[in-house]
Amino acid sequence: MEEINWSLLWPILALQLLLAVIGLLSLRRAEATRGPKWLWVIIILFGNVVGSIAYFVFGRKDM
């Protein structure tokens, strides 16, 4: 069994956590979104990096 190379994994994990936190904070402040907010929470949390990026691209409504 191979050992995990943490030096390569840490930046990806940090990016995922950072995007999720920023996405959730942005979602909390948003007055309106495209779709229900509860669904975007699930997408951001369980969609990893792609879920957070999807929220920023598709979920936010322009004011």
N, C-alpha and C. Protein backbone atom coordinates (compact mmCIF):
# COMPACT_ATOMS: atom_id res chain seq x y z
N MET A 1 0.84 -1.18 0.00
CA MET A 1 0.00 0.00 0.00
C MET A 1 0.89 1.25 0.00
N GLU A 2 0.54 2.18 -0.88
CA GLU A 2 1.35 3.39 -0.99
C GLU A 2 1.01 4.39 0.09
N GLU A 3 2.01 5.14 0.47
CA GLU A 3 1.82 6.19 1.47
C GLU A 3 1.38 7.47 0.79
N ILE A 4 0.50 8.22 1.44
CA ILE A 4 -0.01 9.47 0.87
C ILE A 4 1.06 10.54 0.92
N ASN A 5 1.25 11.25 -0.17
CA ASN A 5 2.20 12.34 -0.24
C ASN A 5 1.47 13.63 0.20
N TRP A 6 1.57 13.96 1.46
CA TRP A 6 0.84 15.09 2.04
C TRP A 6 1.29 16.43 1.49
N SER A 7 2.52 16.53 1.04
CA SER A 7 3.00 17.80 0.51
C SER A 7 2.25 18.20 -0.77
N LEU A 8 1.73 17.22 -1.49
CA LEU A 8 0.92 17.51 -2.67
C LEU A 8 -0.55 17.68 -2.34
N LEU A 9 -0.99 17.07 -1.27
CA LEU A 9 -2.41 17.08 -0.91
C LEU A 9 -2.82 18.32 -0.12
N TRP A 10 -1.93 18.87 0.70
CA TRP A 10 -2.28 20.02 1.54
C TRP A 10 -2.77 21.24 0.76
N PRO A 11 -2.12 21.64 -0.33
CA PRO A 11 -2.63 22.80 -1.07
C PRO A 11 -4.04 22.59 -1.62
N ILE A 12 -4.34 21.39 -2.07
CA ILE A 12 -5.67 21.10 -2.59
C ILE A 12 -6.71 21.15 -1.47
N LEU A 13 -6.39 20.59 -0.33
CA LEU A 13 -7.30 20.62 0.82
C LEU A 13 -7.51 22.05 1.32
N ALA A 14 -6.44 22.83 1.35
CA ALA A 14 -6.54 24.23 1.79
C ALA A 14 -7.41 25.03 0.82
N LEU A 15 -7.23 24.82 -0.48
CA LEU A 15 -8.04 25.50 -1.49
C LEU A 15 -9.51 25.11 -1.35
N GLN A 16 -9.78 23.85 -1.15
CA GLN A 16 -11.15 23.37 -0.99
C GLN A 16 -11.80 24.00 0.23
N LEU A 17 -11.11 24.04 1.34
CA LEU A 17 -11.65 24.63 2.56
C LEU A 17 -11.88 26.13 2.39
N LEU A 18 -10.92 26.81 1.80
CA LEU A 18 -11.04 28.25 1.59
C LEU A 18 -12.22 28.59 0.68
N LEU A 19 -12.36 27.88 -0.43
CA LEU A 19 -13.48 28.13 -1.34
C LEU A 19 -14.82 27.83 -0.68
N ALA A 20 -14.89 26.77 0.11
CA ALA A 20 -16.14 26.43 0.79
C ALA A 20 -16.52 27.51 1.80
N VAL A 21 -15.58 28.00 2.58
CA VAL A 21 -15.86 29.03 3.57
C VAL A 21 -16.30 30.33 2.88
N ILE A 22 -15.56 30.74 1.86
CA ILE A 22 -15.93 31.96 1.13
C ILE A 22 -17.29 31.80 0.46
N GLY A 23 -17.54 30.65 -0.12
CA GLY A 23 -18.82 30.40 -0.77
C GLY A 23 -19.98 30.44 0.22
N LEU A 24 -19.81 29.82 1.38
CA LEU A 24 -20.87 29.82 2.38
C LEU A 24 -21.12 31.21 2.95
N LEU A 25 -20.05 31.98 3.16
CA LEU A 25 -20.23 33.35 3.64
C LEU A 25 -20.92 34.21 2.59
N SER A 26 -20.55 34.05 1.34
CA SER A 26 -21.20 34.78 0.26
C SER A 26 -22.67 34.40 0.15
N LEU A 27 -22.96 33.12 0.27
CA LEU A 27 -24.33 32.64 0.21
C LEU A 27 -25.17 33.19 1.35
N ARG A 28 -24.58 33.27 2.52
CA ARG A 28 -25.29 33.81 3.68
C ARG A 28 -25.66 35.28 3.48
N ARG A 29 -24.78 36.04 2.86
CA ARG A 29 -25.02 37.47 2.64
C ARG A 29 -25.93 37.75 1.45
N ALA A 30 -26.07 36.79 0.56
CA ALA A 30 -26.83 37.01 -0.67
C ALA A 30 -28.32 37.14 -0.36
N GLU A 31 -28.93 38.15 -0.96
CA GLU A 31 -30.37 38.32 -0.80
C GLU A 31 -31.13 37.34 -1.67
N ALA A 32 -30.64 37.08 -2.87
CA ALA A 32 -31.32 36.18 -3.79
C ALA A 32 -30.29 35.32 -4.51
N THR A 33 -30.67 34.09 -4.80
CA THR A 33 -29.81 33.18 -5.54
C THR A 33 -30.64 32.50 -6.62
N ARG A 34 -29.95 31.89 -7.54
CA ARG A 34 -30.64 31.08 -8.55
C ARG A 34 -30.85 29.70 -7.96
N GLY A 35 -32.01 29.46 -7.44
CA GLY A 35 -32.30 28.20 -6.77
C GLY A 35 -32.34 28.41 -5.26
N PRO A 36 -32.84 27.42 -4.54
CA PRO A 36 -32.94 27.54 -3.08
C PRO A 36 -31.56 27.54 -2.40
N LYS A 37 -31.46 28.33 -1.35
CA LYS A 37 -30.17 28.43 -0.65
C LYS A 37 -29.75 27.10 -0.03
N TRP A 38 -30.70 26.32 0.48
CA TRP A 38 -30.35 25.05 1.11
C TRP A 38 -29.68 24.11 0.10
N LEU A 39 -30.11 24.19 -1.15
CA LEU A 39 -29.51 23.35 -2.18
C LEU A 39 -28.07 23.79 -2.47
N TRP A 40 -27.83 25.10 -2.48
CA TRP A 40 -26.48 25.60 -2.71
C TRP A 40 -25.55 25.23 -1.55
N VAL A 41 -26.07 25.19 -0.33
CA VAL A 41 -25.25 24.75 0.82
C VAL A 41 -24.78 23.32 0.59
N ILE A 42 -25.69 22.45 0.17
CA ILE A 42 -25.33 21.05 -0.09
C ILE A 42 -24.31 20.95 -1.21
N ILE A 43 -24.53 21.71 -2.29
CA ILE A 43 -23.60 21.67 -3.43
C ILE A 43 -22.22 22.17 -3.02
N ILE A 44 -22.16 23.24 -2.25
CA ILE A 44 -20.86 23.79 -1.81
C ILE A 44 -20.15 22.80 -0.89
N LEU A 45 -20.86 22.22 0.05
CA LEU A 45 -20.22 21.33 1.02
C LEU A 45 -19.81 19.98 0.43
N PHE A 46 -20.65 19.41 -0.42
CA PHE A 46 -20.37 18.07 -0.91
C PHE A 46 -19.83 18.04 -2.34
N GLY A 47 -19.80 19.19 -2.99
CA GLY A 47 -19.28 19.26 -4.35
C GLY A 47 -17.80 19.55 -4.41
N ASN A 48 -17.16 19.61 -3.25
CA ASN A 48 -15.74 19.91 -3.17
C ASN A 48 -15.42 21.22 -3.87
N VAL A 49 -14.32 21.30 -4.56
CA VAL A 49 -13.89 22.54 -5.22
C VAL A 49 -14.88 22.91 -6.33
N VAL A 50 -15.36 21.93 -7.06
CA VAL A 50 -16.27 22.18 -8.18
C VAL A 50 -17.59 22.77 -7.69
N GLY A 51 -18.08 22.33 -6.53
CA GLY A 51 -19.33 22.86 -5.99
C GLY A 51 -19.24 24.33 -5.64
N SER A 52 -18.14 24.74 -5.05
CA SER A 52 -17.94 26.14 -4.71
C SER A 52 -17.82 27.00 -5.95
N ILE A 53 -17.08 26.53 -6.92
CA ILE A 53 -16.93 27.27 -8.17
C ILE A 53 -18.27 27.36 -8.89
N ALA A 54 -19.05 26.29 -8.87
CA ALA A 54 -20.38 26.30 -9.51
C ALA A 54 -21.27 27.36 -8.87
N TYR A 55 -21.19 27.51 -7.54
CA TYR A 55 -22.00 28.54 -6.89
C TYR A 55 -21.60 29.93 -7.38
N PHE A 56 -20.31 30.20 -7.44
CA PHE A 56 -19.85 31.53 -7.87
C PHE A 56 -20.20 31.80 -9.33
N VAL A 57 -20.21 30.79 -10.17
CA VAL A 57 -20.50 30.97 -11.58
C VAL A 57 -22.00 31.00 -11.86
N PHE A 58 -22.75 30.05 -11.29
CA PHE A 58 -24.16 29.89 -11.64
C PHE A 58 -25.14 30.32 -10.55
N GLY A 59 -24.75 30.28 -9.30
CA GLY A 59 -25.71 30.47 -8.21
C GLY A 59 -25.99 31.90 -7.82
N ARG A 60 -25.02 32.76 -7.95
CA ARG A 60 -25.22 34.15 -7.52
C ARG A 60 -26.02 34.91 -8.56
N LYS A 61 -26.93 35.73 -8.09
CA LYS A 61 -27.68 36.62 -8.97
C LYS A 61 -27.03 37.97 -8.95
N ASP A 62 -26.89 38.56 -10.11
CA ASP A 62 -26.34 39.91 -10.20
C ASP A 62 -27.40 40.91 -9.72
N MET A 63 -26.96 41.87 -8.96
CA MET A 63 -27.89 42.86 -8.42
C MET A 63 -28.12 43.96 -9.42
